[in-house]
Amino acid sequence: MQLDVATGSTPADVDACVALWLEAVGARDGHEPVVGTAEHCRAKFDATIVSWRLLRGADPRLLGFGLATTTPATGDDAYLGLLAVSPSIEGRGGAGRLIDTVIADAATAGLPGVVLNVMTDNTRAIGLYASRGFVAAGAPHEHALTGREAQRYRRDLTRVPRP
């Protein structure tokens, strides 16, 4: 399957990303996302964007996306606040391509690192992040929306060759 990475830019792209986020969270958790998930997701697009990448196949349907921003809570690091792929293509390398592209964008922007939060029971995602050089940073914490235990991970970019 051919997967192409493009840059997001339009309100329609935001809508498609929010819809995919809800689909992916529902598939991950085995039930409908908690109330407020769509609004929480949509609000992340209001921050200063470092990287917003879309993953599409042969048809124009959105198959995945990654959004990294800067926020006061993450200091100088990029914050990979949203990363999702359609359950229909899980395990086909799409998430890895998106992460690699976001990391490259953050390095190009001169940022020292990329941070993200992941639910501690999401072992598949943790394995993917670890394979891309992310390491646990700090103690686990309660996720702001769901109350589930989450862990912050960080990828150091100071050792990544700059383009």
Protein backbone atom coordinates (compact mmCIF):
# COMPACT_ATOMS: atom_id res chain seq x y z
CA MET A 1 0.00 0.00 0.00
CA GLN A 2 1.35 3.39 -0.99
CA LEU A 3 1.28 5.96 1.83
CA ASP A 4 2.09 9.58 1.11
CA VAL A 5 2.87 12.22 3.73
CA ALA A 6 1.64 15.78 3.11
CA THR A 7 1.27 18.95 5.17
CA GLY A 8 -2.06 19.85 6.75
CA SER A 9 -3.34 23.37 6.30
CA THR A 10 -7.10 23.76 5.94
CA PRO A 11 -10.16 23.72 8.21
CA ALA A 12 -11.30 20.61 6.31
CA ASP A 13 -7.99 18.97 7.28
CA VAL A 14 -8.68 19.80 10.94
CA ASP A 15 -12.15 18.26 10.68
CA ALA A 16 -10.75 15.11 9.08
CA CYS A 17 -8.05 14.84 11.75
CA VAL A 18 -10.57 15.21 14.59
CA ALA A 19 -12.80 12.53 13.04
CA LEU A 20 -9.84 10.17 12.63
CA TRP A 21 -8.70 10.88 16.20
CA LEU A 22 -12.13 9.86 17.52
CA GLU A 23 -12.09 6.69 15.39
CA ALA A 24 -8.57 5.73 16.52
CA VAL A 25 -9.24 6.44 20.23
CA GLY A 26 -12.45 4.40 20.07
CA ALA A 27 -10.60 1.48 18.47
CA ARG A 28 -7.75 1.72 21.00
CA ASP A 29 -10.02 1.89 24.03
CA GLY A 30 -12.79 -0.43 22.82
CA HIS A 31 -15.55 2.12 23.46
CA GLU A 32 -16.67 5.59 22.46
CA PRO A 33 -14.23 8.34 23.47
CA VAL A 34 -15.07 10.24 26.66
CA VAL A 35 -17.13 13.41 26.43
CA GLY A 36 -14.94 16.34 25.47
CA THR A 37 -12.44 14.33 23.41
CA ALA A 38 -13.30 16.06 20.11
CA GLU A 39 -13.03 19.52 21.66
CA HIS A 40 -9.75 18.60 23.41
CA CYS A 41 -8.36 17.38 20.08
CA ARG A 42 -9.57 20.39 18.08
CA ALA A 43 -8.06 22.84 20.59
CA LYS A 44 -4.57 21.45 19.95
CA PHE A 45 -4.68 22.93 16.44
CA ASP A 46 -4.85 26.43 17.97
CA ALA A 47 -1.28 26.22 19.35
CA THR A 48 1.82 27.24 17.40
CA ILE A 49 2.35 24.39 14.94
CA VAL A 50 5.81 22.90 14.43
CA SER A 51 4.66 20.01 12.26
CA TRP A 52 1.25 18.96 10.98
CA ARG A 53 1.49 15.96 8.70
CA LEU A 54 -1.23 13.99 6.93
CA LEU A 55 -1.00 10.42 5.69
CA ARG A 56 -3.01 9.43 2.63
CA GLY A 57 -3.14 6.45 0.33
CA ALA A 58 -4.15 6.23 -3.31
CA ASP A 59 -7.53 7.79 -2.55
CA PRO A 60 -7.89 11.17 -0.82
CA ARG A 61 -9.19 9.66 2.45
CA LEU A 62 -7.13 10.59 5.51
CA LEU A 63 -5.34 7.51 6.89
CA GLY A 64 -3.26 9.15 9.60
CA PHE A 65 -1.89 12.38 10.97
CA GLY A 66 0.60 13.81 13.43
CA LEU A 67 0.50 17.23 15.07
CA ALA A 68 3.43 18.75 16.96
CA THR A 69 3.20 22.19 18.53
CA THR A 70 5.04 24.35 20.97
CA THR A 71 3.47 25.02 24.34
CA PRO A 72 4.68 26.69 27.53
CA ALA A 73 4.32 23.33 29.31
CA THR A 74 6.97 21.71 27.10
CA GLY A 75 9.52 24.52 27.18
CA ASP A 76 11.66 24.57 24.06
CA ASP A 77 10.65 21.09 22.93
CA ALA A 78 8.04 20.29 20.31
CA TYR A 79 4.96 18.58 21.76
CA LEU A 80 3.63 15.68 19.69
CA GLY A 81 0.13 16.08 21.06
CA LEU A 82 -1.73 14.04 18.44
CA LEU A 83 -0.71 11.00 16.43
CA ALA A 84 -3.26 8.65 14.91
CA VAL A 85 -3.59 6.17 12.10
CA SER A 86 -6.75 4.56 10.84
CA PRO A 87 -7.33 1.17 12.45
CA SER A 88 -7.56 -0.16 8.87
CA ILE A 89 -3.82 0.41 8.32
CA GLU A 90 -2.36 -0.26 11.77
CA GLY A 91 0.88 -2.19 11.58
CA ARG A 92 1.74 -1.05 8.05
CA GLY A 93 4.34 1.57 8.96
CA GLY A 94 2.18 4.68 8.73
CA ALA A 95 2.65 5.78 12.33
CA GLY A 96 6.40 5.33 12.04
CA ARG A 97 6.52 7.44 8.88
CA LEU A 98 4.54 10.18 10.59
CA ILE A 99 6.76 10.16 13.70
CA ASP A 100 9.93 10.24 11.59
CA THR A 101 8.59 13.20 9.62
CA VAL A 102 7.55 15.11 12.75
CA ILE A 103 10.98 14.48 14.30
CA ALA A 104 12.67 15.77 11.14
CA ASP A 105 10.44 18.87 11.11
CA ALA A 106 11.27 19.62 14.76
CA ALA A 107 14.99 19.16 14.08
CA THR A 108 14.76 21.46 11.05
CA ALA A 109 13.07 24.05 13.26
CA GLY A 110 16.08 23.85 15.60
CA LEU A 111 14.15 22.48 18.57
CA PRO A 112 16.12 20.44 21.13
CA GLY A 113 13.58 17.66 21.53
CA VAL A 114 10.13 16.22 21.00
CA VAL A 115 7.91 15.21 23.91
CA LEU A 116 4.65 13.28 24.00
CA ASN A 117 2.32 11.67 26.50
CA VAL A 118 1.06 8.10 26.16
CA MET A 119 -1.26 5.98 28.27
CA THR A 120 0.89 3.55 30.27
CA ASP A 121 -1.24 0.60 29.14
CA ASN A 122 -0.73 1.41 25.44
CA THR A 123 2.25 -0.92 25.07
CA ARG A 124 2.09 -0.99 21.28
CA ALA A 125 2.52 2.80 21.08
CA ILE A 126 5.23 2.76 23.75
CA GLY A 127 7.16 0.20 21.71
CA LEU A 128 6.86 2.35 18.60
CA TYR A 129 8.05 5.46 20.44
CA ALA A 130 10.97 3.58 22.01
CA SER A 131 11.99 2.33 18.54
CA ARG A 132 12.26 5.98 17.49
CA GLY A 133 14.50 6.95 20.43
CA PHE A 134 11.89 8.23 22.90
CA VAL A 135 12.60 7.54 26.59
CA ALA A 136 10.39 7.97 29.65
CA ALA A 137 10.78 11.39 31.27
CA GLY A 138 9.53 11.98 34.79
CA ALA A 139 6.95 10.12 36.80
CA PRO A 140 3.64 8.86 35.43
CA HIS A 141 0.75 11.32 35.76
CA GLU A 142 -3.01 11.42 35.37
CA HIS A 143 -4.26 12.22 31.87
CA ALA A 144 -6.12 15.54 32.00
CA LEU A 145 -9.20 14.35 30.11
CA THR A 146 -9.57 10.66 30.90
CA GLY A 147 -7.95 10.38 34.32
CA ARG A 148 -6.00 7.33 33.10
CA GLU A 149 -2.33 6.93 33.96
CA ALA A 150 -0.05 8.45 31.33
CA GLN A 151 3.71 8.83 30.93
CA ARG A 152 5.68 11.58 29.24
CA TYR A 153 8.34 10.47 26.75
CA ARG A 154 11.07 12.61 25.20
CA ARG A 155 13.28 12.26 22.13
CA ASP A 156 16.50 14.28 22.29
CA LEU A 157 17.21 16.05 19.00
CA THR A 158 20.51 17.65 19.95
CA ARG A 159 22.31 14.64 18.49
CA VAL A 160 20.29 14.53 15.26
CA PRO A 161 22.16 15.87 12.21
CA ARG A 162 20.50 19.11 11.11
CA PRO A 163 19.55 19.48 7.43
